[in-house]
Amino acid sequence: MFDKAMSAAVETAQKRLMNTTGKDSVLMAVSSDLNDLCGLTEKLDPSKINFDKGGLEKLKVMNYWSRFEKNYPALQALSERLIRSKKILFNSRTTINKFLSEYSDEYNKFRAVPESRQDADYVQQAVISENMYQLLKNSVSEHESAYVHLEKVITILESSLNMAIYLAKKNAGYELGGGRALPLNVTNLDYQTQFGKLDSILHTK
């Protein structure tokens, strides 16, 4: 017994999965941007620098802010892209949940076929249908996990950037994105803690 409706559902689900999890999907875009952000965070994490060692404190602080200023546009751009991706990911998450619901309706009908009618064709189709069902469930979990993770990253990133801007403005009116870097207070514990959180969350999921 070969079920045409189930076969069509599997084919549709496969196409939908390719669109929502393939190389051009929002999941891949987010993964790429988070990887770039991870690299920038490692460069700019002040907690990894000993500013008090060697008697060159002011020079080290100036070098840090010079490096921060150089990478600030990239941080801003990444932040904006991640915020846009969060909105897209929210919609994609809703869509993939809808796909799973629609597939489940057909899948449950297929599984309700009496055992007496389950011939070799049915068993073979059942394996394929079950695999697709699990792939859809995994995709739903992946979207949910990615959304929650991205939400945390954006919150901490925005907080870190706001604190950096505050520290810059507090010292001689220095503005990130223009002018020379001044010896700012980069040893601020709250600032170091924020970057530490950002670095930590980017290395976990």
C-alpha atoms as a PDB file:
ATOM      1  CA  MET A   1       0.000   0.000   0.000  1.00  0.00           C
ATOM      2  CA  PHE A   2       1.577   3.264  -1.142  1.00  0.00           C
ATOM      3  CA  ASP A   3       0.066   6.462   0.263  1.00  0.00           C
ATOM      4  CA  LYS A   4       0.196   9.265  -2.313  1.00  0.00           C
ATOM      5  CA  ALA A   5      -0.883  11.931   0.172  1.00  0.00           C
ATOM      6  CA  MET A   6       1.940  10.992   2.564  1.00  0.00           C
ATOM      7  CA  SER A   7       4.426  10.950  -0.287  1.00  0.00           C
ATOM      8  CA  ALA A   8       3.365  14.460  -1.316  1.00  0.00           C
ATOM      9  CA  ALA A   9       3.639  15.657   2.297  1.00  0.00           C
ATOM     10  CA  VAL A  10       7.195  14.324   2.539  1.00  0.00           C
ATOM     11  CA  GLU A  11       8.183  16.025  -0.711  1.00  0.00           C
ATOM     12  CA  THR A  12       6.684  19.341   0.402  1.00  0.00           C
ATOM     13  CA  ALA A  13       8.362  19.113   3.806  1.00  0.00           C
ATOM     14  CA  GLN A  14      11.722  18.439   2.165  1.00  0.00           C
ATOM     15  CA  LYS A  15      11.454  21.566   0.005  1.00  0.00           C
ATOM     16  CA  ARG A  16      10.408  23.647   2.993  1.00  0.00           C
ATOM     17  CA  LEU A  17      13.313  22.403   5.074  1.00  0.00           C
ATOM     18  CA  MET A  18      15.755  23.346   2.332  1.00  0.00           C
ATOM     19  CA  ASN A  19      14.346  26.890   2.319  1.00  0.00           C
ATOM     20  CA  THR A  20      14.387  27.338   6.105  1.00  0.00           C
ATOM     21  CA  THR A  21      17.654  25.587   7.000  1.00  0.00           C
ATOM     22  CA  GLY A  22      19.746  25.706   3.801  1.00  0.00           C
ATOM     23  CA  LYS A  23      22.835  27.798   3.021  1.00  0.00           C
ATOM     24  CA  ASP A  24      20.735  30.889   2.275  1.00  0.00           C
ATOM     25  CA  SER A  25      18.569  30.608   5.391  1.00  0.00           C
ATOM     26  CA  VAL A  26      18.463  33.018   8.323  1.00  0.00           C
ATOM     27  CA  LEU A  27      19.986  30.300  10.505  1.00  0.00           C
ATOM     28  CA  MET A  28      23.136  30.292   8.383  1.00  0.00           C
ATOM     29  CA  ALA A  29      23.261  34.105   8.299  1.00  0.00           C
ATOM     30  CA  VAL A  30      22.993  34.279  12.084  1.00  0.00           C
ATOM     31  CA  SER A  31      25.650  31.600  12.499  1.00  0.00           C
ATOM     32  CA  SER A  32      28.052  33.520  10.245  1.00  0.00           C
ATOM     33  CA  ASP A  33      27.438  36.848  12.016  1.00  0.00           C
ATOM     34  CA  LEU A  34      27.848  35.300  15.465  1.00  0.00           C
ATOM     35  CA  ASN A  35      31.128  33.779  14.349  1.00  0.00           C
ATOM     36  CA  ASP A  36      32.341  37.223  13.229  1.00  0.00           C
ATOM     37  CA  LEU A  37      31.159  38.755  16.487  1.00  0.00           C
ATOM     38  CA  CYS A  38      33.030  36.084  18.407  1.00  0.00           C
ATOM     39  CA  GLY A  39      36.252  37.109  16.679  1.00  0.00           C
ATOM     40  CA  LEU A  40      35.702  40.802  17.442  1.00  0.00           C
ATOM     41  CA  THR A  41      34.849  40.072  21.054  1.00  0.00           C
ATOM     42  CA  GLU A  42      38.079  38.177  21.532  1.00  0.00           C
ATOM     43  CA  LYS A  43      39.995  41.199  20.216  1.00  0.00           C
ATOM     44  CA  LEU A  44      38.182  43.711  22.406  1.00  0.00           C
ATOM     45  CA  ASP A  45      37.572  41.889  25.682  1.00  0.00           C
ATOM     46  CA  PRO A  46      39.285  44.154  28.259  1.00  0.00           C
ATOM     47  CA  SER A  47      39.217  41.460  30.942  1.00  0.00           C
ATOM     48  CA  LYS A  48      41.916  39.586  28.989  1.00  0.00           C
ATOM     49  CA  ILE A  49      44.363  42.510  29.208  1.00  0.00           C
ATOM     50  CA  ASN A  50      46.463  43.323  32.270  1.00  0.00           C
ATOM     51  CA  PHE A  51      46.440  47.129  32.180  1.00  0.00           C
ATOM     52  CA  ASP A  52      48.445  47.500  35.409  1.00  0.00           C
ATOM     53  CA  LYS A  53      51.469  45.405  34.458  1.00  0.00           C
ATOM     54  CA  GLY A  54      54.756  46.890  33.220  1.00  0.00           C
ATOM     55  CA  GLY A  55      54.204  50.551  34.022  1.00  0.00           C
ATOM     56  CA  LEU A  56      52.598  51.291  30.654  1.00  0.00           C
ATOM     57  CA  GLU A  57      49.032  51.643  31.879  1.00  0.00           C
ATOM     58  CA  LYS A  58      48.099  54.779  29.921  1.00  0.00           C
ATOM     59  CA  LEU A  59      49.672  53.510  26.726  1.00  0.00           C
ATOM     60  CA  LYS A  60      47.836  50.186  27.024  1.00  0.00           C
ATOM     61  CA  VAL A  61      44.530  51.927  27.637  1.00  0.00           C
ATOM     62  CA  MET A  62      45.057  54.257  24.664  1.00  0.00           C
ATOM     63  CA  ASN A  63      45.964  51.289  22.468  1.00  0.00           C
ATOM     64  CA  TYR A  64      42.833  49.473  23.626  1.00  0.00           C
ATOM     65  CA  TRP A  65      40.506  52.333  22.722  1.00  0.00           C
ATOM     66  CA  SER A  66      42.298  52.877  19.439  1.00  0.00           C
ATOM     67  CA  ARG A  67      41.628  49.228  18.635  1.00  0.00           C
ATOM     68  CA  PHE A  68      38.029  49.571  19.827  1.00  0.00           C
ATOM     69  CA  GLU A  69      37.477  52.635  17.636  1.00  0.00           C
ATOM     70  CA  LYS A  70      38.871  50.792  14.624  1.00  0.00           C
ATOM     71  CA  ASN A  71      36.471  47.863  15.147  1.00  0.00           C
ATOM     72  CA  TYR A  72      33.489  49.907  16.347  1.00  0.00           C
ATOM     73  CA  PRO A  73      31.857  50.278  12.889  1.00  0.00           C
ATOM     74  CA  ALA A  74      32.042  46.510  12.407  1.00  0.00           C
ATOM     75  CA  LEU A  75      30.449  45.963  15.833  1.00  0.00           C
ATOM     76  CA  GLN A  76      27.676  48.400  14.997  1.00  0.00           C
ATOM     77  CA  ALA A  77      27.043  46.732  11.632  1.00  0.00           C
ATOM     78  CA  LEU A  78      26.947  43.280  13.230  1.00  0.00           C
ATOM     79  CA  SER A  79      24.562  44.497  15.903  1.00  0.00           C
ATOM     80  CA  GLU A  80      22.199  45.929  13.274  1.00  0.00           C
ATOM     81  CA  ARG A  81      22.330  42.732  11.201  1.00  0.00           C
ATOM     82  CA  LEU A  82      21.636  40.558  14.230  1.00  0.00           C
ATOM     83  CA  ILE A  83      18.652  42.697  15.202  1.00  0.00           C
ATOM     84  CA  ARG A  84      17.245  42.345  11.671  1.00  0.00           C
ATOM     85  CA  SER A  85      17.953  38.604  11.712  1.00  0.00           C
ATOM     86  CA  LYS A  86      16.117  38.279  15.021  1.00  0.00           C
ATOM     87  CA  LYS A  87      12.934  39.571  13.383  1.00  0.00           C
ATOM     88  CA  ILE A  88      13.387  37.253  10.413  1.00  0.00           C
ATOM     89  CA  LEU A  89      14.159  34.334  12.714  1.00  0.00           C
ATOM     90  CA  PHE A  90      10.984  34.998  14.685  1.00  0.00           C
ATOM     91  CA  ASN A  91       8.944  34.697  11.479  1.00  0.00           C
ATOM     92  CA  SER A  92      10.914  31.660  10.334  1.00  0.00           C
ATOM     93  CA  ARG A  93      10.349  30.002  13.701  1.00  0.00           C
ATOM     94  CA  THR A  94       6.597  30.574  13.374  1.00  0.00           C
ATOM     95  CA  THR A  95       6.638  29.242   9.816  1.00  0.00           C
ATOM     96  CA  ILE A  96       8.536  26.041  10.608  1.00  0.00           C
ATOM     97  CA  ASN A  97       6.153  25.326  13.498  1.00  0.00           C
ATOM     98  CA  LYS A  98       3.275  25.668  11.043  1.00  0.00           C
ATOM     99  CA  PHE A  99       5.018  23.275   8.639  1.00  0.00           C
ATOM    100  CA  LEU A 100       5.411  20.701  11.402  1.00  0.00           C
ATOM    101  CA  SER A 101       1.763  21.034  12.365  1.00  0.00           C
ATOM    102  CA  GLU A 102       0.599  20.528   8.775  1.00  0.00           C
ATOM    103  CA  TYR A 103       2.932  17.574   8.266  1.00  0.00           C
ATOM    104  CA  SER A 104       1.834  16.009  11.563  1.00  0.00           C
ATOM    105  CA  ASP A 105      -1.799  16.002  10.433  1.00  0.00           C
ATOM    106  CA  GLU A 106      -0.959  13.902   7.373  1.00  0.00           C
ATOM    107  CA  TYR A 107       1.594  11.821   9.258  1.00  0.00           C
ATOM    108  CA  ASN A 108      -0.895  10.888  11.979  1.00  0.00           C
ATOM    109  CA  LYS A 109      -3.432   9.793   9.339  1.00  0.00           C
ATOM    110  CA  PHE A 110      -0.764   7.650   7.713  1.00  0.00           C
ATOM    111  CA  ARG A 111       0.209   6.017  10.999  1.00  0.00           C
ATOM    112  CA  ALA A 112      -3.441   5.209  11.729  1.00  0.00           C
ATOM    113  CA  VAL A 113      -3.550   2.688   8.857  1.00  0.00           C
ATOM    114  CA  PRO A 114      -4.543  -0.730  10.285  1.00  0.00           C
ATOM    115  CA  GLU A 115      -1.698  -3.217  10.637  1.00  0.00           C
ATOM    116  CA  SER A 116      -3.474  -5.610   8.308  1.00  0.00           C
ATOM    117  CA  ARG A 117      -2.943  -3.145   5.442  1.00  0.00           C
ATOM    118  CA  GLN A 118       0.711  -2.399   6.228  1.00  0.00           C
ATOM    119  CA  ASP A 119       2.575  -4.207   3.463  1.00  0.00           C
ATOM    120  CA  ALA A 120       6.242  -3.852   2.423  1.00  0.00           C
ATOM    121  CA  ASP A 121       5.564  -0.615   0.538  1.00  0.00           C
ATOM    122  CA  TYR A 122       3.908   0.864   3.601  1.00  0.00           C
ATOM    123  CA  VAL A 123       6.801  -0.099   5.881  1.00  0.00           C
ATOM    124  CA  GLN A 124       9.334   1.472   3.522  1.00  0.00           C
ATOM    125  CA  GLN A 125       7.275   4.642   3.279  1.00  0.00           C
ATOM    126  CA  ALA A 126       6.830   4.671   7.059  1.00  0.00           C
ATOM    127  CA  VAL A 127      10.602   4.832   7.568  1.00  0.00           C
ATOM    128  CA  ILE A 128      10.922   7.796   5.202  1.00  0.00           C
ATOM    129  CA  SER A 129       7.930   9.559   6.754  1.00  0.00           C
ATOM    130  CA  GLU A 130       9.272   9.071  10.282  1.00  0.00           C
ATOM    131  CA  ASN A 131      12.685  10.433   9.292  1.00  0.00           C
ATOM    132  CA  MET A 132      11.096  13.535   7.821  1.00  0.00           C
ATOM    133  CA  TYR A 133       8.978  13.991  10.929  1.00  0.00           C
ATOM    134  CA  GLN A 134      12.098  13.921  13.115  1.00  0.00           C
ATOM    135  CA  LEU A 135      13.903  16.349  10.785  1.00  0.00           C
ATOM    136  CA  LEU A 136      11.033  18.816  11.086  1.00  0.00           C
ATOM    137  CA  LYS A 137      10.993  18.467  14.875  1.00  0.00           C
ATOM    138  CA  ASN A 138      14.737  19.022  14.990  1.00  0.00           C
ATOM    139  CA  SER A 139      14.381  22.101  12.819  1.00  0.00           C
ATOM    140  CA  VAL A 140      11.734  23.510  15.160  1.00  0.00           C
ATOM    141  CA  SER A 141      14.083  22.962  18.112  1.00  0.00           C
ATOM    142  CA  GLU A 142      16.975  24.512  16.196  1.00  0.00           C
ATOM    143  CA  HIS A 143      14.955  27.624  15.359  1.00  0.00           C
ATOM    144  CA  GLU A 144      13.776  27.973  18.946  1.00  0.00           C
ATOM    145  CA  SER A 145      17.275  27.530  20.354  1.00  0.00           C
ATOM    146  CA  ALA A 146      18.785  29.970  17.841  1.00  0.00           C
ATOM    147  CA  TYR A 147      16.152  32.614  18.628  1.00  0.00           C
ATOM    148  CA  VAL A 148      16.640  32.409  22.402  1.00  0.00           C
ATOM    149  CA  HIS A 149      20.434  32.448  22.008  1.00  0.00           C
ATOM    150  CA  LEU A 150      20.345  35.416  19.621  1.00  0.00           C
ATOM    151  CA  GLU A 151      18.069  37.352  21.957  1.00  0.00           C
ATOM    152  CA  LYS A 152      20.601  36.973  24.797  1.00  0.00           C
ATOM    153  CA  VAL A 153      23.528  37.935  22.578  1.00  0.00           C
ATOM    154  CA  ILE A 154      21.799  41.091  21.317  1.00  0.00           C
ATOM    155  CA  THR A 155      20.858  42.192  24.838  1.00  0.00           C
ATOM    156  CA  ILE A 156      24.417  41.841  26.163  1.00  0.00           C
ATOM    157  CA  LEU A 157      26.006  43.280  23.004  1.00  0.00           C
ATOM    158  CA  GLU A 158      23.841  46.404  23.160  1.00  0.00           C
ATOM    159  CA  SER A 159      24.635  46.806  26.854  1.00  0.00           C
ATOM    160  CA  SER A 160      28.371  46.432  26.183  1.00  0.00           C
ATOM    161  CA  LEU A 161      28.337  48.984  23.357  1.00  0.00           C
ATOM    162  CA  ASN A 162      26.266  51.450  25.389  1.00  0.00           C
ATOM    163  CA  MET A 163      28.702  51.157  28.271  1.00  0.00           C
ATOM    164  CA  ALA A 164      31.673  51.676  25.941  1.00  0.00           C
ATOM    165  CA  ILE A 165      30.031  54.805  24.508  1.00  0.00           C
ATOM    166  CA  TYR A 166      29.279  56.079  28.012  1.00  0.00           C
ATOM    167  CA  LEU A 167      32.875  55.583  29.154  1.00  0.00           C
ATOM    168  CA  ALA A 168      34.150  57.308  26.029  1.00  0.00           C
ATOM    169  CA  LYS A 169      31.871  60.331  26.378  1.00  0.00           C
ATOM    170  CA  LYS A 170      32.633  60.603  30.089  1.00  0.00           C
ATOM    171  CA  ASN A 171      36.297  61.225  29.328  1.00  0.00           C
ATOM    172  CA  ALA A 172      37.085  64.563  27.658  1.00  0.00           C
ATOM    173  CA  GLY A 173      34.031  64.310  25.421  1.00  0.00           C
ATOM    174  CA  TYR A 174      35.635  61.618  23.310  1.00  0.00           C
ATOM    175  CA  GLU A 175      33.228  60.207  20.721  1.00  0.00           C
ATOM    176  CA  LEU A 176      33.623  56.696  19.343  1.00  0.00           C
ATOM    177  CA  GLY A 177      33.843  56.878  15.583  1.00  0.00           C
ATOM    178  CA  GLY A 178      35.707  60.173  15.485  1.00  0.00           C
ATOM    179  CA  GLY A 179      38.814  61.788  16.948  1.00  0.00           C
ATOM    180  CA  ARG A 180      41.838  60.307  18.701  1.00  0.00           C
ATOM    181  CA  ALA A 181      41.483  57.695  21.410  1.00  0.00           C
ATOM    182  CA  LEU A 182      42.117  59.111  24.878  1.00  0.00           C
ATOM    183  CA  PRO A 183      43.238  57.245  28.016  1.00  0.00           C
ATOM    184  CA  LEU A 184      39.779  56.200  29.143  1.00  0.00           C
ATOM    185  CA  ASN A 185      38.796  54.087  32.105  1.00  0.00           C
ATOM    186  CA  VAL A 186      38.795  50.656  30.504  1.00  0.00           C
ATOM    187  CA  THR A 187      39.391  48.865  33.818  1.00  0.00           C
ATOM    188  CA  ASN A 188      35.790  49.552  34.853  1.00  0.00           C
ATOM    189  CA  LEU A 189      34.616  46.265  36.374  1.00  0.00           C
ATOM    190  CA  ASP A 190      31.059  46.539  35.027  1.00  0.00           C
ATOM    191  CA  TYR A 191      32.426  47.039  31.531  1.00  0.00           C
ATOM    192  CA  GLN A 192      34.783  44.080  31.861  1.00  0.00           C
ATOM    193  CA  THR A 193      31.957  41.954  33.249  1.00  0.00           C
ATOM    194  CA  GLN A 194      29.694  42.785  30.298  1.00  0.00           C
ATOM    195  CA  PHE A 195      32.337  41.789  27.781  1.00  0.00           C
ATOM    196  CA  GLY A 196      33.062  38.662  29.789  1.00  0.00           C
ATOM    197  CA  LYS A 197      29.372  37.720  29.592  1.00  0.00           C
ATOM    198  CA  LEU A 198      29.303  38.383  25.867  1.00  0.00           C
ATOM    199  CA  ASP A 199      32.409  36.260  25.278  1.00  0.00           C
ATOM    200  CA  SER A 200      30.989  33.467  27.417  1.00  0.00           C
ATOM    201  CA  ILE A 201      27.582  33.323  25.744  1.00  0.00           C
ATOM    202  CA  LEU A 202      29.131  33.389  22.274  1.00  0.00           C
ATOM    203  CA  HIS A 203      31.049  30.226  23.147  1.00  0.00           C
ATOM    204  CA  THR A 204      27.999  28.376  24.422  1.00  0.00           C
ATOM    205  CA  LYS A 205      24.675  27.458  22.878  1.00  0.00           C
END
